[in-house]
Amino acid sequence: MYNKILVVNPNSNTENTRWIDEAIQPLRSQDGPEIECRTLADGPIAIENEIQGAQVVPSLCRLIEQESEYTGAFVVACYSDPGVLAARDVTDKPVIGICEAGLSTALNFGDRVGVLHNGVEDIIPAMRGARALGLDSRVVGGRSIDVPMARMDEQGLVLEQMTKAAHQLEDELHASVLVFGCAAMTPFRRSLEKECGLPVIDPAQAAVGMAITAVRCFSQN
C-alpha cells in the first residue's frame, strides 16, 4: 500500500508551505498515511495570474511523475488548481486540486457558497472555474479581501479584511458557507468562523481529507 500523501505548494513561498502543513496537522494520525508538504522550489513566489499558473505546470508534473511510485495520492495546494489536469496524465494516483475539493466540500455545509479571494482580479477566473465544474448555481460569487500574498503575514489586517468580505458575501449574496480562495488563508479559518458565524472551508484541509480517504479506502495496492 502506498501509505503517503504528497501536498505540493506550487509556489516557492516556504512560509505558505509551513502554514499549510500546520493546518493539516489535525488530519495526521499514527495509523494514517504519512502526509508530506513540499514547496515547488522553482515556482514563482506567488501564483496570482494565469501566466504564473502555467509556469509551474512542467515542474509540477515532473515532480508528481517522479514521486508516483512512492505516493498514494497528491494534493496541489493552490486555489487555481494549476497543472491538476496535466498531472493526472502522468500518474495513475489521485491528484486532488484544492479548488475542486474546497467547493465540493462546501456543498455539504450550505446551499449558497461564497469564496474569499486576495484580489478582485481573482474573482472572474474563479467563477469561470466554478462554471467549468458545473457549480455556478451553487457558488454565488466571491469577494476580495484586498490583501496581496506578500502581506498575508499581517494577521490583524488579514482578519479584519476577511471579516468585512465575509459579511459582504452573507449580506449581499446570501452566502451560507464560505471557502478560502487561497491556500495562504489557512491560518485564519477558526478565527473567521467566530467573527462571521458561518462555516468556513479551508480547501487545503478538504483536499487532504479526500486524499486520506483515497489512500485508505480506494487504493488498489
C-alpha atoms as a PDB file:
ATOM      1  CA  MET A   1       0.000   0.000   0.000  1.00  0.00           C
ATOM      2  CA  TYR A   2       1.243   3.497  -0.877  1.00  0.00           C
ATOM      3  CA  ASN A   3       0.959   4.984   2.603  1.00  0.00           C
ATOM      4  CA  LYS A   4       1.999   8.542   1.746  1.00  0.00           C
ATOM      5  CA  ILE A   5       0.273  11.726   0.614  1.00  0.00           C
ATOM      6  CA  LEU A   6       2.336  14.464  -1.009  1.00  0.00           C
ATOM      7  CA  VAL A   7       0.952  18.001  -0.695  1.00  0.00           C
ATOM      8  CA  VAL A   8       2.674  20.309  -3.174  1.00  0.00           C
ATOM      9  CA  ASN A   9       2.706  24.070  -2.749  1.00  0.00           C
ATOM     10  CA  PRO A  10       3.349  25.097  -6.367  1.00  0.00           C
ATOM     11  CA  ASN A  11       4.768  28.485  -5.443  1.00  0.00           C
ATOM     12  CA  SER A  12       8.194  28.937  -3.876  1.00  0.00           C
ATOM     13  CA  ASN A  13       6.976  30.634  -0.688  1.00  0.00           C
ATOM     14  CA  THR A  14       8.134  28.306   2.089  1.00  0.00           C
ATOM     15  CA  GLU A  15       6.149  30.254   4.693  1.00  0.00           C
ATOM     16  CA  ASN A  16       2.997  29.406   2.755  1.00  0.00           C
ATOM     17  CA  THR A  17       4.008  25.737   2.846  1.00  0.00           C
ATOM     18  CA  ARG A  18       4.512  25.949   6.611  1.00  0.00           C
ATOM     19  CA  TRP A  19       1.010  27.395   7.080  1.00  0.00           C
ATOM     20  CA  ILE A  20      -0.489  24.555   5.036  1.00  0.00           C
ATOM     21  CA  ASP A  21       1.497  21.977   6.977  1.00  0.00           C
ATOM     22  CA  GLU A  22       0.222  23.381  10.287  1.00  0.00           C
ATOM     23  CA  ALA A  23      -3.375  23.494   9.047  1.00  0.00           C
ATOM     24  CA  ILE A  24      -3.412  19.821   8.105  1.00  0.00           C
ATOM     25  CA  GLN A  25      -1.771  18.672  11.337  1.00  0.00           C
ATOM     26  CA  PRO A  26      -5.155  17.591  12.842  1.00  0.00           C
ATOM     27  CA  LEU A  27      -5.539  15.170   9.918  1.00  0.00           C
ATOM     28  CA  ARG A  28      -2.378  13.272  10.798  1.00  0.00           C
ATOM     29  CA  SER A  29      -2.671  10.121  12.897  1.00  0.00           C
ATOM     30  CA  GLN A  30      -0.423   7.274  13.981  1.00  0.00           C
ATOM     31  CA  ASP A  31      -2.295   4.729  11.886  1.00  0.00           C
ATOM     32  CA  GLY A  32      -2.923   7.055   8.957  1.00  0.00           C
ATOM     33  CA  PRO A  33      -0.848   7.767   5.865  1.00  0.00           C
ATOM     34  CA  GLU A  34       2.246   9.926   6.080  1.00  0.00           C
ATOM     35  CA  ILE A  35       1.440  13.476   4.890  1.00  0.00           C
ATOM     36  CA  GLU A  36       4.373  15.423   3.472  1.00  0.00           C
ATOM     37  CA  CYS A  37       4.177  19.074   2.432  1.00  0.00           C
ATOM     38  CA  ARG A  38       6.680  20.199  -0.154  1.00  0.00           C
ATOM     39  CA  THR A  39       7.476  23.524  -1.816  1.00  0.00           C
ATOM     40  CA  LEU A  40       7.980  23.651  -5.585  1.00  0.00           C
ATOM     41  CA  ALA A  41      11.343  25.401  -5.378  1.00  0.00           C
ATOM     42  CA  ASP A  42      11.393  26.779  -8.911  1.00  0.00           C
ATOM     43  CA  GLY A  43       7.824  28.113  -8.806  1.00  0.00           C
ATOM     44  CA  PRO A  44       7.042  31.837  -8.605  1.00  0.00           C
ATOM     45  CA  ILE A  45       6.854  33.393  -5.145  1.00  0.00           C
ATOM     46  CA  ALA A  46       3.075  33.624  -5.628  1.00  0.00           C
ATOM     47  CA  ILE A  47       0.579  32.408  -8.232  1.00  0.00           C
ATOM     48  CA  GLU A  48      -1.649  35.389  -8.894  1.00  0.00           C
ATOM     49  CA  ASN A  49      -2.486  35.115 -12.602  1.00  0.00           C
ATOM     50  CA  GLU A  50      -2.842  32.616 -15.442  1.00  0.00           C
ATOM     51  CA  ILE A  51       0.730  33.095 -16.655  1.00  0.00           C
ATOM     52  CA  GLN A  52       2.204  32.232 -13.266  1.00  0.00           C
ATOM     53  CA  GLY A  53      -0.120  29.252 -13.030  1.00  0.00           C
ATOM     54  CA  ALA A  54       1.005  27.984 -16.423  1.00  0.00           C
ATOM     55  CA  GLN A  55       4.677  28.390 -15.495  1.00  0.00           C
ATOM     56  CA  VAL A  56       4.507  25.762 -12.751  1.00  0.00           C
ATOM     57  CA  VAL A  57       2.879  23.004 -14.792  1.00  0.00           C
ATOM     58  CA  PRO A  58       6.042  21.348 -16.238  1.00  0.00           C
ATOM     59  CA  SER A  59       7.877  21.268 -12.886  1.00  0.00           C
ATOM     60  CA  LEU A  60       4.773  20.125 -11.033  1.00  0.00           C
ATOM     61  CA  CYS A  61       4.183  17.282 -13.472  1.00  0.00           C
ATOM     62  CA  ARG A  62       7.828  16.189 -13.309  1.00  0.00           C
ATOM     63  CA  LEU A  63       7.683  16.094  -9.516  1.00  0.00           C
ATOM     64  CA  ILE A  64       4.456  14.093  -9.453  1.00  0.00           C
ATOM     65  CA  GLU A  65       5.724  11.657 -12.073  1.00  0.00           C
ATOM     66  CA  GLN A  66       8.949  11.132 -10.099  1.00  0.00           C
ATOM     67  CA  GLU A  67       7.118  10.589  -6.806  1.00  0.00           C
ATOM     68  CA  SER A  68       4.269   8.479  -8.186  1.00  0.00           C
ATOM     69  CA  GLU A  69       5.954   5.162  -7.429  1.00  0.00           C
ATOM     70  CA  TYR A  70       6.123   6.001  -3.723  1.00  0.00           C
ATOM     71  CA  THR A  71       2.946   8.046  -3.205  1.00  0.00           C
ATOM     72  CA  GLY A  72      -0.698   7.104  -2.814  1.00  0.00           C
ATOM     73  CA  ALA A  73      -2.254  10.498  -3.579  1.00  0.00           C
ATOM     74  CA  PHE A  74      -1.218  14.043  -4.447  1.00  0.00           C
ATOM     75  CA  VAL A  75      -2.667  17.408  -3.429  1.00  0.00           C
ATOM     76  CA  VAL A  76      -1.939  20.579  -5.422  1.00  0.00           C
ATOM     77  CA  ALA A  77      -2.243  23.357  -2.858  1.00  0.00           C
ATOM     78  CA  CYS A  78      -3.140  26.390  -4.955  1.00  0.00           C
ATOM     79  CA  TYR A  79      -6.732  27.536  -5.419  1.00  0.00           C
ATOM     80  CA  SER A  80      -6.447  27.925  -9.191  1.00  0.00           C
ATOM     81  CA  ASP A  81      -5.636  24.179  -9.376  1.00  0.00           C
ATOM     82  CA  PRO A  82      -2.665  24.763 -11.717  1.00  0.00           C
ATOM     83  CA  GLY A  83      -1.497  21.653 -13.508  1.00  0.00           C
ATOM     84  CA  VAL A  84      -4.037  19.328 -11.905  1.00  0.00           C
ATOM     85  CA  LEU A  85      -5.446  18.059 -15.196  1.00  0.00           C
ATOM     86  CA  ALA A  86      -1.980  17.689 -16.732  1.00  0.00           C
ATOM     87  CA  ALA A  87      -0.664  15.883 -13.652  1.00  0.00           C
ATOM     88  CA  ARG A  88      -3.451  13.322 -13.906  1.00  0.00           C
ATOM     89  CA  ASP A  89      -1.922  12.338 -17.240  1.00  0.00           C
ATOM     90  CA  VAL A  90       1.444  11.436 -15.681  1.00  0.00           C
ATOM     91  CA  THR A  91       0.248   9.279 -12.760  1.00  0.00           C
ATOM     92  CA  ASP A  92      -2.426   6.730 -12.021  1.00  0.00           C
ATOM     93  CA  LYS A  93      -2.711   8.047  -8.443  1.00  0.00           C
ATOM     94  CA  PRO A  94      -5.368  10.598  -7.439  1.00  0.00           C
ATOM     95  CA  VAL A  95      -4.341  14.223  -7.986  1.00  0.00           C
ATOM     96  CA  ILE A  96      -6.603  16.481  -5.953  1.00  0.00           C
ATOM     97  CA  GLY A  97      -6.840  20.224  -6.515  1.00  0.00           C
ATOM     98  CA  ILE A  98      -7.843  22.317  -3.536  1.00  0.00           C
ATOM     99  CA  CYS A  99     -10.373  24.357  -5.519  1.00  0.00           C
ATOM    100  CA  GLU A 100     -12.353  21.287  -6.578  1.00  0.00           C
ATOM    101  CA  ALA A 101     -12.010  19.813  -3.083  1.00  0.00           C
ATOM    102  CA  GLY A 102     -12.968  23.009  -1.270  1.00  0.00           C
ATOM    103  CA  LEU A 103     -16.055  23.713  -3.343  1.00  0.00           C
ATOM    104  CA  SER A 104     -17.317  20.123  -3.295  1.00  0.00           C
ATOM    105  CA  THR A 105     -16.868  20.010   0.483  1.00  0.00           C
ATOM    106  CA  ALA A 106     -18.699  23.314   0.921  1.00  0.00           C
ATOM    107  CA  LEU A 107     -21.760  21.902  -0.857  1.00  0.00           C
ATOM    108  CA  ASN A 108     -22.342  19.724   2.200  1.00  0.00           C
ATOM    109  CA  PHE A 109     -22.434  22.710   4.557  1.00  0.00           C
ATOM    110  CA  GLY A 110     -24.794  25.100   2.766  1.00  0.00           C
ATOM    111  CA  ASP A 111     -26.790  25.807  -0.373  1.00  0.00           C
ATOM    112  CA  ARG A 112     -25.030  29.062  -1.303  1.00  0.00           C
ATOM    113  CA  VAL A 113     -21.236  29.082  -1.447  1.00  0.00           C
ATOM    114  CA  GLY A 114     -19.216  32.295  -1.270  1.00  0.00           C
ATOM    115  CA  VAL A 115     -15.476  32.497  -1.884  1.00  0.00           C
ATOM    116  CA  LEU A 116     -12.891  34.834  -0.343  1.00  0.00           C
ATOM    117  CA  HIS A 117     -10.116  35.993  -2.680  1.00  0.00           C
ATOM    118  CA  ASN A 118      -6.927  38.008  -2.245  1.00  0.00           C
ATOM    119  CA  GLY A 119      -7.746  40.482  -5.010  1.00  0.00           C
ATOM    120  CA  VAL A 120     -10.730  41.483  -7.109  1.00  0.00           C
ATOM    121  CA  GLU A 121      -8.907  40.218 -10.207  1.00  0.00           C
ATOM    122  CA  ASP A 122      -9.203  36.671  -8.848  1.00  0.00           C
ATOM    123  CA  ILE A 123     -12.997  36.618  -8.803  1.00  0.00           C
ATOM    124  CA  ILE A 124     -13.826  36.264 -12.513  1.00  0.00           C
ATOM    125  CA  PRO A 125     -11.343  33.398 -13.157  1.00  0.00           C
ATOM    126  CA  ALA A 126     -12.633  31.614 -10.063  1.00  0.00           C
ATOM    127  CA  MET A 127     -16.240  31.912 -11.193  1.00  0.00           C
ATOM    128  CA  ARG A 128     -15.186  30.644 -14.602  1.00  0.00           C
ATOM    129  CA  GLY A 129     -13.706  27.628 -12.848  1.00  0.00           C
ATOM    130  CA  ALA A 130     -16.913  27.078 -10.871  1.00  0.00           C
ATOM    131  CA  ARG A 131     -18.895  27.093 -14.116  1.00  0.00           C
ATOM    132  CA  ALA A 132     -16.482  24.577 -15.627  1.00  0.00           C
ATOM    133  CA  LEU A 133     -17.227  22.291 -12.664  1.00  0.00           C
ATOM    134  CA  GLY A 134     -20.973  22.765 -13.168  1.00  0.00           C
ATOM    135  CA  LEU A 135     -21.313  24.530  -9.811  1.00  0.00           C
ATOM    136  CA  ASP A 136     -22.320  28.032 -10.894  1.00  0.00           C
ATOM    137  CA  SER A 137     -25.836  27.559  -9.487  1.00  0.00           C
ATOM    138  CA  ARG A 138     -24.385  26.906  -6.013  1.00  0.00           C
ATOM    139  CA  VAL A 139     -21.302  29.156  -5.996  1.00  0.00           C
ATOM    140  CA  VAL A 140     -22.954  32.568  -5.687  1.00  0.00           C
ATOM    141  CA  GLY A 141     -19.834  34.681  -6.051  1.00  0.00           C
ATOM    142  CA  GLY A 142     -16.645  35.965  -4.483  1.00  0.00           C
ATOM    143  CA  ARG A 143     -15.379  38.976  -2.616  1.00  0.00           C
ATOM    144  CA  SER A 144     -11.844  40.327  -2.319  1.00  0.00           C
ATOM    145  CA  ILE A 145     -10.052  40.868   0.978  1.00  0.00           C
ATOM    146  CA  ASP A 146      -7.710  43.297  -0.855  1.00  0.00           C
ATOM    147  CA  VAL A 147      -4.579  41.805   0.707  1.00  0.00           C
ATOM    148  CA  PRO A 148      -1.876  40.528  -1.682  1.00  0.00           C
ATOM    149  CA  MET A 149       0.056  37.353  -0.984  1.00  0.00           C
ATOM    150  CA  ALA A 150       3.077  39.390   0.111  1.00  0.00           C
ATOM    151  CA  ARG A 151       1.114  40.791   3.103  1.00  0.00           C
ATOM    152  CA  MET A 152      -0.674  37.648   4.272  1.00  0.00           C
ATOM    153  CA  ASP A 153       1.528  37.522   7.375  1.00  0.00           C
ATOM    154  CA  GLU A 154      -0.107  40.739   8.699  1.00  0.00           C
ATOM    155  CA  GLN A 155      -2.621  38.860  10.810  1.00  0.00           C
ATOM    156  CA  GLY A 156      -4.623  41.774  12.178  1.00  0.00           C
ATOM    157  CA  LEU A 157      -5.104  43.319   8.751  1.00  0.00           C
ATOM    158  CA  VAL A 158      -5.963  39.987   7.111  1.00  0.00           C
ATOM    159  CA  LEU A 159      -8.612  39.017   9.664  1.00  0.00           C
ATOM    160  CA  GLU A 160     -10.182  42.484   9.558  1.00  0.00           C
ATOM    161  CA  GLN A 161     -10.423  42.380   5.775  1.00  0.00           C
ATOM    162  CA  MET A 162     -11.640  38.785   5.772  1.00  0.00           C
ATOM    163  CA  THR A 163     -14.405  39.609   8.216  1.00  0.00           C
ATOM    164  CA  LYS A 164     -15.520  42.549   6.084  1.00  0.00           C
ATOM    165  CA  ALA A 165     -15.586  40.418   2.919  1.00  0.00           C
ATOM    166  CA  ALA A 166     -17.379  37.572   4.719  1.00  0.00           C
ATOM    167  CA  HIS A 167     -20.173  39.905   5.829  1.00  0.00           C
ATOM    168  CA  GLN A 168     -20.471  41.190   2.245  1.00  0.00           C
ATOM    169  CA  LEU A 169     -20.877  37.636   0.963  1.00  0.00           C
ATOM    170  CA  GLU A 170     -23.536  36.913   3.564  1.00  0.00           C
ATOM    171  CA  ASP A 171     -25.432  40.212   3.332  1.00  0.00           C
ATOM    172  CA  GLU A 172     -25.202  40.888  -0.405  1.00  0.00           C
ATOM    173  CA  LEU A 173     -25.111  37.372  -1.907  1.00  0.00           C
ATOM    174  CA  HIS A 174     -26.791  35.448   0.945  1.00  0.00           C
ATOM    175  CA  ALA A 175     -23.895  33.004   1.182  1.00  0.00           C
ATOM    176  CA  SER A 176     -24.423  30.298   3.795  1.00  0.00           C
ATOM    177  CA  VAL A 177     -20.915  28.788   3.688  1.00  0.00           C
ATOM    178  CA  LEU A 178     -17.540  30.315   2.833  1.00  0.00           C
ATOM    179  CA  VAL A 179     -14.469  28.889   1.102  1.00  0.00           C
ATOM    180  CA  PHE A 180     -10.963  30.313   1.210  1.00  0.00           C
ATOM    181  CA  GLY A 181      -9.809  31.143  -2.307  1.00  0.00           C
ATOM    182  CA  CYS A 182      -6.124  30.973  -1.404  1.00  0.00           C
ATOM    183  CA  ALA A 183      -4.023  28.399   0.424  1.00  0.00           C
ATOM    184  CA  ALA A 184      -2.286  31.199   2.355  1.00  0.00           C
ATOM    185  CA  MET A 185      -5.572  31.991   4.134  1.00  0.00           C
ATOM    186  CA  THR A 186      -5.494  28.705   6.002  1.00  0.00           C
ATOM    187  CA  PRO A 187      -4.333  30.062   9.427  1.00  0.00           C
ATOM    188  CA  PHE A 188      -7.479  32.187   9.748  1.00  0.00           C
ATOM    189  CA  ARG A 189     -10.267  29.617   9.450  1.00  0.00           C
ATOM    190  CA  ARG A 190     -11.270  29.262  13.099  1.00  0.00           C
ATOM    191  CA  SER A 191     -10.949  32.989  13.805  1.00  0.00           C
ATOM    192  CA  LEU A 192     -13.104  33.885  10.815  1.00  0.00           C
ATOM    193  CA  GLU A 193     -15.796  31.383  11.792  1.00  0.00           C
ATOM    194  CA  LYS A 194     -16.004  33.064  15.195  1.00  0.00           C
ATOM    195  CA  GLU A 195     -16.203  36.524  13.631  1.00  0.00           C
ATOM    196  CA  CYS A 196     -18.821  35.807  10.960  1.00  0.00           C
ATOM    197  CA  GLY A 197     -20.779  32.852  12.355  1.00  0.00           C
ATOM    198  CA  LEU A 198     -20.730  30.919   9.073  1.00  0.00           C
ATOM    199  CA  PRO A 199     -18.951  27.629   8.332  1.00  0.00           C
ATOM    200  CA  VAL A 200     -15.603  28.297   6.665  1.00  0.00           C
ATOM    201  CA  ILE A 201     -13.949  25.658   4.484  1.00  0.00           C
ATOM    202  CA  ASP A 202     -10.175  25.525   4.208  1.00  0.00           C
ATOM    203  CA  PRO A 203      -9.700  23.899   0.793  1.00  0.00           C
ATOM    204  CA  ALA A 204      -6.273  22.504   1.694  1.00  0.00           C
ATOM    205  CA  GLN A 205      -7.765  20.641   4.654  1.00  0.00           C
ATOM    206  CA  ALA A 206     -10.635  19.457   2.464  1.00  0.00           C
ATOM    207  CA  ALA A 207      -8.256  18.181  -0.220  1.00  0.00           C
ATOM    208  CA  VAL A 208      -6.030  16.322   2.246  1.00  0.00           C
ATOM    209  CA  GLY A 209      -9.115  14.749   3.813  1.00  0.00           C
ATOM    210  CA  MET A 210     -10.103  13.448   0.387  1.00  0.00           C
ATOM    211  CA  ALA A 211      -6.574  12.188  -0.210  1.00  0.00           C
ATOM    212  CA  ILE A 212      -6.631  10.249   3.057  1.00  0.00           C
ATOM    213  CA  THR A 213      -9.904   8.628   2.028  1.00  0.00           C
ATOM    214  CA  ALA A 214      -8.436   7.771  -1.375  1.00  0.00           C
ATOM    215  CA  VAL A 215      -5.362   6.137   0.149  1.00  0.00           C
ATOM    216  CA  ARG A 216      -7.172   4.249   2.901  1.00  0.00           C
ATOM    217  CA  CYS A 217     -10.307   3.164   1.042  1.00  0.00           C
ATOM    218  CA  PHE A 218      -9.666   3.168  -2.699  1.00  0.00           C
ATOM    219  CA  SER A 219      -6.007   2.289  -3.135  1.00  0.00           C
ATOM    220  CA  GLN A 220      -5.513  -0.755  -5.341  1.00  0.00           C
ATOM    221  CA  ASN A 221      -2.107  -1.535  -3.838  1.00  0.00           C
END
